[in-house]
C-alpha atoms as a PDB file:
ATOM      1  CA  MET A   1       8.617  -1.688   8.411  1.00  0.00           C
ATOM      2  CA  ILE A   2       8.166   1.981   7.445  1.00  0.00           C
ATOM      3  CA  ASN A   3       7.486   1.045   3.807  1.00  0.00           C
ATOM      4  CA  GLN A   4       4.884  -1.476   4.917  1.00  0.00           C
ATOM      5  CA  ILE A   5       3.180   1.105   7.157  1.00  0.00           C
ATOM      6  CA  GLU A   6       3.186   3.745   4.423  1.00  0.00           C
ATOM      7  CA  ASN A   7       1.691   1.248   1.993  1.00  0.00           C
ATOM      8  CA  ASN A   8      -1.105   0.238   4.370  1.00  0.00           C
ATOM      9  CA  GLN A   9      -1.723   3.368   6.460  1.00  0.00           C
ATOM     10  CA  ASN A  10      -0.367   6.257   4.414  1.00  0.00           C
ATOM     11  CA  ILE A  11      -2.870   8.805   5.788  1.00  0.00           C
ATOM     12  CA  ALA A  12      -2.143   8.002   9.435  1.00  0.00           C
ATOM     13  CA  TYR A  13       1.594   7.868   8.748  1.00  0.00           C
ATOM     14  CA  LYS A  14       1.602  11.250   7.001  1.00  0.00           C
ATOM     15  CA  SER A  15      -0.568  12.807   9.724  1.00  0.00           C
ATOM     16  CA  ILE A  16       1.812  11.730  12.483  1.00  0.00           C
ATOM     17  CA  SER A  17       4.856  12.736  10.414  1.00  0.00           C
ATOM     18  CA  ASN A  18       3.427  16.240   9.911  1.00  0.00           C
ATOM     19  CA  ILE A  19       2.580  16.570  13.608  1.00  0.00           C
ATOM     20  CA  LEU A  20       6.232  15.893  14.442  1.00  0.00           C
ATOM     21  CA  LYS A  21       7.608  17.999  11.606  1.00  0.00           C
ATOM     22  CA  TYR A  22       5.577  21.093  12.467  1.00  0.00           C
ATOM     23  CA  ASP A  23       5.712  20.624  16.252  1.00  0.00           C
ATOM     24  CA  ARG A  24       1.955  20.142  16.725  1.00  0.00           C
ATOM     25  CA  LEU A  25       2.156  17.334  19.231  1.00  0.00           C
ATOM     26  CA  SER A  26      -0.706  17.073  21.717  1.00  0.00           C
ATOM     27  CA  HIS A  27      -0.470  15.638  25.231  1.00  0.00           C
ATOM     28  CA  CYS A  28      -3.331  13.272  24.380  1.00  0.00           C
ATOM     29  CA  ILE A  29      -3.345  11.403  21.065  1.00  0.00           C
ATOM     30  CA  LEU A  30      -6.070   8.994  19.964  1.00  0.00           C
ATOM     31  CA  PHE A  31      -5.508   6.305  17.323  1.00  0.00           C
ATOM     32  CA  GLU A  32      -8.987   5.379  16.064  1.00  0.00           C
ATOM     33  CA  GLY A  33     -10.693   3.746  13.105  1.00  0.00           C
ATOM     34  CA  TYR A  34     -10.540   0.269  11.637  1.00  0.00           C
ATOM     35  CA  LYS A  35      -8.563  -2.476  13.294  1.00  0.00           C
ATOM     36  CA  SER A  36      -5.042  -2.332  11.893  1.00  0.00           C
ATOM     37  CA  ASN A  37      -1.890  -4.379  12.301  1.00  0.00           C
ATOM     38  CA  PHE A  38       0.048  -1.117  12.343  1.00  0.00           C
ATOM     39  CA  LYS A  39      -1.613   0.955  15.092  1.00  0.00           C
ATOM     40  CA  LEU A  40       0.663  -0.408  17.784  1.00  0.00           C
ATOM     41  CA  ASP A  41       3.733  -0.160  15.545  1.00  0.00           C
ATOM     42  CA  LEU A  42       3.025   3.520  14.921  1.00  0.00           C
ATOM     43  CA  ALA A  43       2.366   4.105  18.621  1.00  0.00           C
ATOM     44  CA  PHE A  44       5.797   2.738  19.521  1.00  0.00           C
ATOM     45  CA  MET A  45       7.439   4.673  16.678  1.00  0.00           C
ATOM     46  CA  LEU A  46       5.730   7.875  17.824  1.00  0.00           C
ATOM     47  CA  SER A  47       6.781   7.270  21.424  1.00  0.00           C
ATOM     48  CA  TYR A  48      10.366   6.782  20.205  1.00  0.00           C
ATOM     49  CA  ALA A  49      10.154  10.093  18.333  1.00  0.00           C
ATOM     50  CA  ILE A  50       8.826  11.853  21.442  1.00  0.00           C
ATOM     51  CA  VAL A  51      11.473  10.609  23.865  1.00  0.00           C
ATOM     52  CA  THR A  52      14.286  11.271  21.385  1.00  0.00           C
ATOM     53  CA  LYS A  53      12.822  14.670  20.380  1.00  0.00           C
ATOM     54  CA  SER A  54      12.856  13.597  16.750  1.00  0.00           C
ATOM     55  CA  LYS A  55      11.062  15.506  13.985  1.00  0.00           C
ATOM     56  CA  ASP A  56      10.183  12.356  12.031  1.00  0.00           C
ATOM     57  CA  LEU A  57       9.406   8.661  12.485  1.00  0.00           C
ATOM     58  CA  LYS A  58      12.796   7.289  11.470  1.00  0.00           C
ATOM     59  CA  ILE A  59      14.390   4.885  13.931  1.00  0.00           C
ATOM     60  CA  ARG A  60      18.018   5.946  14.321  1.00  0.00           C
ATOM     61  CA  ASP A  61      18.900   4.106  17.530  1.00  0.00           C
ATOM     62  CA  ILE A  62      17.946   0.456  17.068  1.00  0.00           C
ATOM     63  CA  ASN A  63      19.031  -0.562  20.568  1.00  0.00           C
ATOM     64  CA  LEU A  64      16.892   2.116  22.207  1.00  0.00           C
ATOM     65  CA  TYR A  65      13.901   1.204  20.045  1.00  0.00           C
ATOM     66  CA  ASP A  66      14.391  -2.462  20.902  1.00  0.00           C
ATOM     67  CA  ARG A  67      14.207  -1.540  24.600  1.00  0.00           C
ATOM     68  CA  ILE A  68      10.932   0.267  23.939  1.00  0.00           C
ATOM     69  CA  LEU A  69       9.461  -2.771  22.195  1.00  0.00           C
ATOM     70  CA  LYS A  70      10.531  -5.006  25.097  1.00  0.00           C
ATOM     71  CA  ASN A  71       9.010  -2.586  27.661  1.00  0.00           C
ATOM     72  CA  GLU A  72      12.461  -1.969  29.138  1.00  0.00           C
ATOM     73  CA  TYR A  73      12.506   1.786  28.512  1.00  0.00           C
ATOM     74  CA  LEU A  74      11.549   3.258  31.881  1.00  0.00           C
ATOM     75  CA  ASP A  75       9.951   6.470  30.615  1.00  0.00           C
ATOM     76  CA  ILE A  76       7.475   4.672  28.343  1.00  0.00           C
ATOM     77  CA  PHE A  77       4.633   2.876  30.107  1.00  0.00           C
ATOM     78  CA  PHE A  78       2.615   0.369  28.083  1.00  0.00           C
ATOM     79  CA  ILE A  79      -0.753  -1.043  29.160  1.00  0.00           C
ATOM     80  CA  ASP A  80      -2.218  -3.697  26.858  1.00  0.00           C
ATOM     81  CA  GLY A  81      -6.003  -3.789  27.131  1.00  0.00           C
ATOM     82  CA  SER A  82      -6.204  -6.317  24.305  1.00  0.00           C
ATOM     83  CA  LYS A  83      -5.094  -9.094  26.646  1.00  0.00           C
ATOM     84  CA  GLU A  84      -6.954  -8.267  29.854  1.00  0.00           C
ATOM     85  CA  ILE A  85      -9.145  -5.612  31.437  1.00  0.00           C
ATOM     86  CA  ILE A  86      -7.297  -2.399  32.242  1.00  0.00           C
ATOM     87  CA  LYS A  87      -7.276  -2.145  36.027  1.00  0.00           C
ATOM     88  CA  LYS A  88      -7.146   0.825  38.361  1.00  0.00           C
ATOM     89  CA  GLU A  89      -3.903  -0.623  39.749  1.00  0.00           C
ATOM     90  CA  ASP A  90      -2.296  -0.406  36.293  1.00  0.00           C
ATOM     91  CA  ILE A  91      -3.079   3.296  36.097  1.00  0.00           C
ATOM     92  CA  LEU A  92      -1.881   3.980  39.640  1.00  0.00           C
ATOM     93  CA  MET A  93       1.386   2.188  38.863  1.00  0.00           C
ATOM     94  CA  MET A  94       1.852   4.473  35.871  1.00  0.00           C
ATOM     95  CA  PHE A  95       1.105   7.548  37.997  1.00  0.00           C
ATOM     96  CA  GLU A  96       3.722   6.434  40.502  1.00  0.00           C
ATOM     97  CA  ARG A  97       6.330   5.866  37.780  1.00  0.00           C
ATOM     98  CA  PHE A  98       5.744   9.262  36.195  1.00  0.00           C
ATOM     99  CA  LYS A  99       5.530  11.415  39.316  1.00  0.00           C
ATOM    100  CA  ASN A 100       9.316  11.726  39.484  1.00  0.00           C
ATOM    101  CA  THR A 101      11.867  13.155  37.090  1.00  0.00           C
ATOM    102  CA  GLY A 102      12.409  10.973  34.021  1.00  0.00           C
ATOM    103  CA  PHE A 103      14.800   8.048  34.303  1.00  0.00           C
ATOM    104  CA  GLU A 104      15.943   8.254  30.689  1.00  0.00           C
ATOM    105  CA  LEU A 105      17.159  10.903  28.230  1.00  0.00           C
ATOM    106  CA  ASN A 106      15.366  14.216  27.630  1.00  0.00           C
ATOM    107  CA  ASN A 107      12.930  13.692  30.536  1.00  0.00           C
ATOM    108  CA  LYS A 108      10.142  12.890  28.027  1.00  0.00           C
ATOM    109  CA  LYS A 109       7.548  10.338  29.182  1.00  0.00           C
ATOM    110  CA  VAL A 110       4.902   8.505  27.170  1.00  0.00           C
ATOM    111  CA  TYR A 111       2.130   6.137  28.191  1.00  0.00           C
ATOM    112  CA  ILE A 112       0.444   3.919  25.608  1.00  0.00           C
ATOM    113  CA  ILE A 113      -2.973   2.412  26.340  1.00  0.00           C
ATOM    114  CA  ASN A 114      -3.834  -0.279  23.797  1.00  0.00           C
ATOM    115  CA  ASN A 115      -7.543  -1.116  23.390  1.00  0.00           C
ATOM    116  CA  ILE A 116      -8.566   1.629  25.785  1.00  0.00           C
ATOM    117  CA  ASN A 117     -12.195   0.506  25.511  1.00  0.00           C
ATOM    118  CA  ASN A 118     -11.362  -2.421  27.755  1.00  0.00           C
ATOM    119  CA  ALA A 119     -11.525  -0.242  30.883  1.00  0.00           C
ATOM    120  CA  SER A 120     -14.265   0.801  33.275  1.00  0.00           C
ATOM    121  CA  SER A 121     -15.709   4.314  33.303  1.00  0.00           C
ATOM    122  CA  LYS A 122     -13.847   4.936  36.550  1.00  0.00           C
ATOM    123  CA  VAL A 123     -10.499   4.039  34.978  1.00  0.00           C
ATOM    124  CA  LEU A 124     -11.287   6.092  31.882  1.00  0.00           C
ATOM    125  CA  ASN A 125     -12.090   9.111  34.024  1.00  0.00           C
ATOM    126  CA  MET A 126      -8.792   8.668  35.871  1.00  0.00           C
ATOM    127  CA  LEU A 127      -6.987   8.717  32.513  1.00  0.00           C
ATOM    128  CA  LEU A 128      -9.001  11.708  31.336  1.00  0.00           C
ATOM    129  CA  LYS A 129      -8.158  13.722  34.432  1.00  0.00           C
ATOM    130  CA  TYR A 130      -4.488  12.778  34.133  1.00  0.00           C
ATOM    131  CA  SER A 131      -4.343  13.743  30.452  1.00  0.00           C
ATOM    132  CA  GLU A 132      -5.898  17.116  31.285  1.00  0.00           C
ATOM    133  CA  GLU A 133      -3.695  17.741  34.319  1.00  0.00           C
ATOM    134  CA  PRO A 134      -0.423  15.864  33.809  1.00  0.00           C
ATOM    135  CA  THR A 135       2.196  16.188  36.523  1.00  0.00           C
ATOM    136  CA  SER A 136       4.614  17.449  33.858  1.00  0.00           C
ATOM    137  CA  LYS A 137       4.383  19.158  30.466  1.00  0.00           C
ATOM    138  CA  ASP A 138       6.724  16.414  29.211  1.00  0.00           C
ATOM    139  CA  ILE A 139       4.129  13.619  29.607  1.00  0.00           C
ATOM    140  CA  TYR A 140       2.224  12.368  26.548  1.00  0.00           C
ATOM    141  CA  GLY A 141      -0.530   9.772  26.245  1.00  0.00           C
ATOM    142  CA  ILE A 142      -1.352   7.599  23.239  1.00  0.00           C
ATOM    143  CA  PHE A 143      -4.756   5.900  23.327  1.00  0.00           C
ATOM    144  CA  ILE A 144      -5.569   3.118  20.840  1.00  0.00           C
ATOM    145  CA  THR A 145      -9.100   1.988  19.996  1.00  0.00           C
ATOM    146  CA  ASP A 146     -10.916   0.033  17.288  1.00  0.00           C
ATOM    147  CA  ASP A 147     -14.323   1.173  18.584  1.00  0.00           C
ATOM    148  CA  VAL A 148     -14.338   4.944  19.018  1.00  0.00           C
ATOM    149  CA  ASN A 149     -18.143   5.061  19.313  1.00  0.00           C
ATOM    150  CA  ASN A 150     -18.009   3.445  22.746  1.00  0.00           C
ATOM    151  CA  LEU A 151     -15.339   5.783  24.086  1.00  0.00           C
ATOM    152  CA  LEU A 152     -16.029   8.682  26.442  1.00  0.00           C
ATOM    153  CA  GLU A 153     -16.917  11.813  24.482  1.00  0.00           C
ATOM    154  CA  THR A 154     -14.631  13.854  26.711  1.00  0.00           C
ATOM    155  CA  ILE A 155     -11.630  11.710  25.770  1.00  0.00           C
ATOM    156  CA  LYS A 156     -12.458  12.081  22.088  1.00  0.00           C
ATOM    157  CA  SER A 157     -12.955  15.833  22.309  1.00  0.00           C
ATOM    158  CA  ARG A 158      -9.695  16.427  24.183  1.00  0.00           C
ATOM    159  CA  SER A 159      -7.530  14.227  21.981  1.00  0.00           C
ATOM    160  CA  LEU A 160      -5.622  14.785  18.780  1.00  0.00           C
ATOM    161  CA  ARG A 161      -7.335  12.122  16.682  1.00  0.00           C
ATOM    162  CA  ILE A 162      -5.489  10.017  14.091  1.00  0.00           C
ATOM    163  CA  LEU A 163      -7.770   8.048  11.781  1.00  0.00           C
ATOM    164  CA  PHE A 164      -6.791   4.577  10.559  1.00  0.00           C
ATOM    165  CA  LYS A 165      -8.444   3.046   7.513  1.00  0.00           C
ATOM    166  CA  LYS A 166      -8.581  -0.633   6.696  1.00  0.00           C
ATOM    167  CA  ASP A 167      -5.122  -1.980   5.936  1.00  0.00           C
ATOM    168  CA  ASN A 168      -4.602  -2.382   2.197  1.00  0.00           C
ATOM    169  CA  GLU A 169      -3.407  -5.887   3.004  1.00  0.00           C
ATOM    170  CA  GLN A 170      -6.669  -6.637   4.788  1.00  0.00           C
ATOM    171  CA  LEU A 171      -8.732  -5.356   1.851  1.00  0.00           C
ATOM    172  CA  LEU A 172      -6.674  -7.463  -0.528  1.00  0.00           C
ATOM    173  CA  LEU A 173      -6.999 -10.544   1.650  1.00  0.00           C
ATOM    174  CA  GLU A 174     -10.780 -10.093   1.832  1.00  0.00           C
ATOM    175  CA  LYS A 175     -10.875  -9.999  -1.978  1.00  0.00           C
ATOM    176  CA  TYR A 176      -8.919 -13.239  -2.238  1.00  0.00           C
ATOM    177  CA  ARG A 177     -11.163 -14.884   0.366  1.00  0.00           C
ATOM    178  CA  GLU A 178     -14.219 -13.747  -1.546  1.00  0.00           C
ATOM    179  CA  LEU A 179     -12.821 -15.496  -4.636  1.00  0.00           C
ATOM    180  CA  ASN A 180     -11.930 -18.582  -2.565  1.00  0.00           C
ATOM    181  CA  ILE A 181      -8.245 -18.334  -3.473  1.00  0.00           C
ATOM    182  CA  SER A 182      -6.521 -20.417  -0.791  1.00  0.00           C
ATOM    183  CA  GLU A 183      -3.106 -18.822  -1.388  1.00  0.00           C
ATOM    184  CA  GLY A 184      -4.569 -15.358  -0.751  1.00  0.00           C
ATOM    185  CA  LEU A 185      -2.578 -14.794   2.442  1.00  0.00           C
ATOM    186  CA  VAL A 186       0.694 -15.460   0.646  1.00  0.00           C
ATOM    187  CA  LEU A 187      -0.273 -13.209  -2.281  1.00  0.00           C
ATOM    188  CA  THR A 188      -1.255 -10.510   0.197  1.00  0.00           C
ATOM    189  CA  ARG A 189       2.052 -10.658   2.060  1.00  0.00           C
ATOM    190  CA  LEU A 190       3.854 -10.380  -1.286  1.00  0.00           C
ATOM    191  CA  ASN A 191       1.697  -7.308  -1.978  1.00  0.00           C
ATOM    192  CA  ILE A 192       0.410  -8.760  -5.245  1.00  0.00           C
ATOM    193  CA  PRO A 193      -2.843  -6.940  -6.065  1.00  0.00           C
ATOM    194  CA  TYR A 194      -5.812  -8.858  -7.387  1.00  0.00           C
ATOM    195  CA  SER A 195      -6.103  -8.656 -11.160  1.00  0.00           C
ATOM    196  CA  GLU A 196      -8.126 -10.665 -13.640  1.00  0.00           C
ATOM    197  CA  GLU A 197      -4.965 -10.784 -15.757  1.00  0.00           C
ATOM    198  CA  PHE A 198      -2.971 -12.491 -12.996  1.00  0.00           C
ATOM    199  CA  ASN A 199      -2.369 -16.141 -13.852  1.00  0.00           C
ATOM    200  CA  PHE A 200      -3.408 -17.989 -10.707  1.00  0.00           C
ATOM    201  CA  GLU A 201      -2.815 -21.432 -12.229  1.00  0.00           C
ATOM    202  CA  LEU A 202       0.785 -20.549 -12.987  1.00  0.00           C
ATOM    203  CA  PHE A 203       1.167 -19.103  -9.489  1.00  0.00           C
ATOM    204  CA  LYS A 204      -0.104 -22.356  -7.923  1.00  0.00           C
ATOM    205  CA  THR A 205       2.491 -24.262  -9.931  1.00  0.00           C
ATOM    206  CA  THR A 206       5.191 -21.850  -8.723  1.00  0.00           C
ATOM    207  CA  TYR A 207       3.989 -22.097  -5.112  1.00  0.00           C
ATOM    208  CA  ALA A 208       4.200 -25.903  -5.296  1.00  0.00           C
ATOM    209  CA  PHE A 209       7.783 -25.567  -6.577  1.00  0.00           C
ATOM    210  CA  PHE A 210       8.594 -23.206  -3.711  1.00  0.00           C
ATOM    211  CA  LYS A 211       7.339 -25.747  -1.159  1.00  0.00           C
ATOM    212  CA  GLU A 212       9.351 -28.496  -2.844  1.00  0.00           C
ATOM    213  CA  PHE A 213      12.411 -26.247  -2.661  1.00  0.00           C
ATOM    214  CA  ILE A 214      12.043 -25.616   1.082  1.00  0.00           C
ATOM    215  CA  TYR A 215      11.262 -29.233   1.944  1.00  0.00           C
ATOM    216  CA  ASN A 216      14.355 -30.465   0.097  1.00  0.00           C
ATOM    217  CA  LEU A 217      16.957 -27.842   0.919  1.00  0.00           C
ATOM    218  CA  ALA A 218      19.176 -30.590   2.302  1.00  0.00           C
ATOM    219  CA  ASN A 219      19.138 -32.238  -1.109  1.00  0.00           C
ATOM    220  CA  ILE A 220      19.574 -29.589  -3.801  1.00  0.00           C
ATOM    221  CA  ASP A 221      19.931 -32.305  -6.450  1.00  0.00           C
ATOM    222  CA  LYS A 222      16.358 -33.367  -5.713  1.00  0.00           C
ATOM    223  CA  VAL A 223      15.226 -29.750  -6.079  1.00  0.00           C
ATOM    224  CA  VAL A 224      17.034 -29.460  -9.422  1.00  0.00           C
ATOM    225  CA  ALA A 225      15.382 -32.681 -10.663  1.00  0.00           C
ATOM    226  CA  TYR A 226      11.929 -31.358  -9.670  1.00  0.00           C
ATOM    227  CA  TYR A 227      12.750 -28.036 -11.351  1.00  0.00           C
ATOM    228  CA  HIS A 228      13.688 -29.627 -14.672  1.00  0.00           C
ATOM    229  CA  PHE A 229      11.234 -32.523 -14.874  1.00  0.00           C
ATOM    230  CA  ASN A 230       8.182 -31.012 -13.157  1.00  0.00           C
ATOM    231  CA  TYR A 231       8.246 -27.237 -12.933  1.00  0.00           C
ATOM    232  CA  LEU A 232       9.762 -26.436 -16.345  1.00  0.00           C
ATOM    233  CA  GLU A 233       7.527 -29.011 -18.003  1.00  0.00           C
ATOM    234  CA  ASN A 234       4.421 -27.524 -16.403  1.00  0.00           C
ATOM    235  CA  ILE A 235       5.232 -23.884 -17.238  1.00  0.00           C
ATOM    236  CA  LYS A 236       6.450 -24.221 -20.824  1.00  0.00           C
ATOM    237  CA  LYS A 237       2.935 -23.496 -22.147  1.00  0.00           C
ATOM    238  CA  TYR A 238       2.969 -20.018 -20.601  1.00  0.00           C
ATOM    239  CA  GLU A 239       4.370 -16.767 -21.999  1.00  0.00           C
ATOM    240  CA  LYS A 240       7.961 -15.999 -21.037  1.00  0.00           C
ATOM    241  CA  ASP A 241       7.029 -12.694 -19.341  1.00  0.00           C
ATOM    242  CA  ASP A 242       4.512 -14.474 -17.097  1.00  0.00           C
ATOM    243  CA  VAL A 243       7.073 -17.158 -16.268  1.00  0.00           C
ATOM    244  CA  ILE A 244       9.701 -14.573 -15.281  1.00  0.00           C
ATOM    245  CA  LYS A 245       7.143 -12.796 -13.084  1.00  0.00           C
ATOM    246  CA  ASN A 246       6.497 -16.091 -11.320  1.00  0.00           C
ATOM    247  CA  ILE A 247      10.182 -16.845 -10.879  1.00  0.00           C
ATOM    248  CA  LEU A 248      10.454 -13.447  -9.184  1.00  0.00           C
ATOM    249  CA  ILE A 249       7.526 -14.489  -6.977  1.00  0.00           C
ATOM    250  CA  PHE A 250       9.357 -17.745  -6.213  1.00  0.00           C
ATOM    251  CA  LEU A 251      12.445 -15.778  -5.119  1.00  0.00           C
ATOM    252  CA  ASP A 252      10.320 -13.343  -3.077  1.00  0.00           C
ATOM    253  CA  LEU A 253       8.681 -16.291  -1.313  1.00  0.00           C
ATOM    254  CA  ILE A 254      12.125 -17.541  -0.278  1.00  0.00           C
ATOM    255  CA  LEU A 255      13.017 -14.089   1.068  1.00  0.00           C
ATOM    256  CA  LEU A 256       9.651 -13.842   2.830  1.00  0.00           C
ATOM    257  CA  ILE A 257      10.035 -17.090   4.699  1.00  0.00           C
ATOM    258  CA  PHE A 258      13.191 -15.759   6.372  1.00  0.00           C
ATOM    259  CA  ASN A 259      11.296 -12.793   7.844  1.00  0.00           C
ATOM    260  CA  ASP A 260       9.471 -12.761  11.192  1.00  0.00           C
ATOM    261  CA  ASN A 261       6.713 -15.323  10.605  1.00  0.00           C
ATOM    262  CA  SER A 262       4.270 -14.188  13.314  1.00  0.00           C
ATOM    263  CA  TYR A 263       1.735 -13.240  10.633  1.00  0.00           C
ATOM    264  CA  LEU A 264       2.174 -16.350   8.513  1.00  0.00           C
ATOM    265  CA  ASN A 265      -0.204 -19.277   8.287  1.00  0.00           C
ATOM    266  CA  ASP A 266       0.409 -22.768   9.657  1.00  0.00           C
ATOM    267  CA  GLU A 267       1.750 -24.064   6.351  1.00  0.00           C
ATOM    268  CA  PHE A 268       4.384 -21.341   6.190  1.00  0.00           C
ATOM    269  CA  SER A 269       5.373 -21.972   9.807  1.00  0.00           C
ATOM    270  CA  GLN A 270       5.806 -25.677   9.067  1.00  0.00           C
ATOM    271  CA  LEU A 271       7.924 -24.845   6.032  1.00  0.00           C
ATOM    272  CA  LYS A 272      10.084 -22.501   8.063  1.00  0.00           C
ATOM    273  CA  ASN A 273      10.652 -25.241  10.641  1.00  0.00           C
ATOM    274  CA  LYS A 274      12.385 -27.244   7.924  1.00  0.00           C
ATOM    275  CA  ILE A 275      15.179 -24.685   7.844  1.00  0.00           C
ATOM    276  CA  ILE A 276      18.047 -25.102  10.285  1.00  0.00           C
ATOM    277  CA  ASN A 277      21.750 -24.258  10.419  1.00  0.00           C
ATOM    278  CA  ILE A 278      21.787 -22.014   7.374  1.00  0.00           C
ATOM    279  CA  ASP A 279      24.504 -19.498   6.653  1.00  0.00           C
ATOM    280  CA  LYS A 280      21.755 -16.926   6.230  1.00  0.00           C
ATOM    281  CA  LEU A 281      23.981 -14.186   4.823  1.00  0.00           C
ATOM    282  CA  LYS A 282      25.420 -16.385   2.060  1.00  0.00           C
ATOM    283  CA  PHE A 283      22.066 -17.989   1.334  1.00  0.00           C
ATOM    284  CA  LEU A 284      20.162 -14.707   0.986  1.00  0.00           C
ATOM    285  CA  SER A 285      22.957 -13.072  -1.024  1.00  0.00           C
ATOM    286  CA  ILE A 286      22.618 -15.843  -3.620  1.00  0.00           C
ATOM    287  CA  ILE A 287      18.833 -15.414  -3.784  1.00  0.00           C
ATOM    288  CA  ILE A 288      19.064 -11.614  -4.044  1.00  0.00           C
ATOM    289  CA  HIS A 289      21.809 -11.852  -6.686  1.00  0.00           C
ATOM    290  CA  THR A 290      19.570 -14.124  -8.770  1.00  0.00           C
ATOM    291  CA  LYS A 291      16.595 -11.809  -8.351  1.00  0.00           C
ATOM    292  CA  ASN A 292      18.625  -8.797  -9.474  1.00  0.00           C
ATOM    293  CA  LYS A 293      19.787 -10.570 -12.631  1.00  0.00           C
ATOM    294  CA  ILE A 294      16.543 -12.254 -13.697  1.00  0.00           C
ATOM    295  CA  ASN A 295      15.274  -9.503 -16.011  1.00  0.00           C
ATOM    296  CA  SER A 296      18.577  -8.966 -17.799  1.00  0.00           C
ATOM    297  CA  TYR A 297      19.713 -12.588 -18.060  1.00  0.00           C
ATOM    298  CA  TYR A 298      19.208 -14.095 -21.493  1.00  0.00           C
ATOM    299  CA  ASP A 299      18.118 -17.516 -20.181  1.00  0.00           C
ATOM    300  CA  TYR A 300      16.248 -17.748 -16.850  1.00  0.00           C
ATOM    301  CA  LYS A 301      16.639 -21.553 -16.890  1.00  0.00           C
ATOM    302  CA  LEU A 302      20.417 -21.296 -16.828  1.00  0.00           C
ATOM    303  CA  LEU A 303      20.253 -18.558 -14.199  1.00  0.00           C
ATOM    304  CA  LEU A 304      18.289 -20.797 -11.816  1.00  0.00           C
ATOM    305  CA  ASP A 305      20.645 -23.684 -12.524  1.00  0.00           C
ATOM    306  CA  GLU A 306      23.484 -21.345 -11.549  1.00  0.00           C
ATOM    307  CA  MET A 307      21.593 -20.404  -8.369  1.00  0.00           C
ATOM    308  CA  PHE A 308      21.078 -24.055  -7.389  1.00  0.00           C
ATOM    309  CA  TYR A 309      24.749 -24.800  -8.037  1.00  0.00           C
ATOM    310  CA  ASN A 310      25.798 -21.897  -5.779  1.00  0.00           C
ATOM    311  CA  LEU A 311      23.358 -22.959  -3.072  1.00  0.00           C
ATOM    312  CA  LYS A 312      24.643 -26.522  -3.006  1.00  0.00           C
ATOM    313  CA  GLY A 313      26.668 -27.034   0.150  1.00  0.00           C
ATOM    314  CA  GLU A 314      25.545 -23.716   1.684  1.00  0.00           C
ATOM    315  CA  VAL A 315      22.577 -25.082   3.658  1.00  0.00           C
ATOM    316  CA  LEU A 316      21.754 -27.865   6.077  1.00  0.00           C
ATOM    317  CA  CYS A 317      18.157 -28.811   6.884  1.00  0.00           C
ATOM    318  CA  LYS A 318      16.158 -31.103   9.087  1.00  0.00           C
ATOM    319  CA  GLU A 319      15.135 -34.256   7.296  1.00  0.00           C
END
């Protein structure tokens, strides 16, 4: 996750890291700028750093961080204005929670208000007053907005402001959409930058092979037949270096489909639903082993044959 955030929001990430490193934390922090998939992630990571008194954004206690994400950590109060209007009652509930000594370690408390614009002026003024006069010096607020122009000037002026640019992934996806490349979302998630030198026809052939692979995991022999009589036949006109790059893409696609698919399109979700009862550790170790050897192996065709042989019997799929 950290690598993905650094790649997409390096300025915001570095700003927050330096704030922690040099102890410049403010009691009111405003995440502003373009809509980003990583604003909320960074808000939770920052709140973790605050309550654990960490000097960086590294997550060292996975169980504690998991509690934060599930809203089970009692000294972090999350209000999500992206789903419904932020009500006065929500704010009063937070005030009530935070008026006492902290329930958790270090007595540090954080409230996160996502999409703070979705609140009335009265609610915003309540938050402003609270941020200016917290009941404890150990209370911190993180406000998140995609539309800073419609936020109270007093909130902006009293906050430590962290600017978010457009996600690199979003910029890349827009470029692929502009070129009407239907596989743009997949290319974006693989972090493959647009280039006129990139062979999109070869990629489409590889993507079709990937789908065939997932759909027929229960029958590796069928995958091997498709590999030899369709895929290898279709790619033999291309340069070896381009082919190896695409085989690496093929392997990365397999690894990608095992990740959290909340961001994936409908086609990817349908593909993932084909997978059931897999010994994930064995399966992924075979894929990673193949990926690590691809550049040094003298014959990529034999290497993939070896991979298919090792996969046979390791997976069971829905028909």
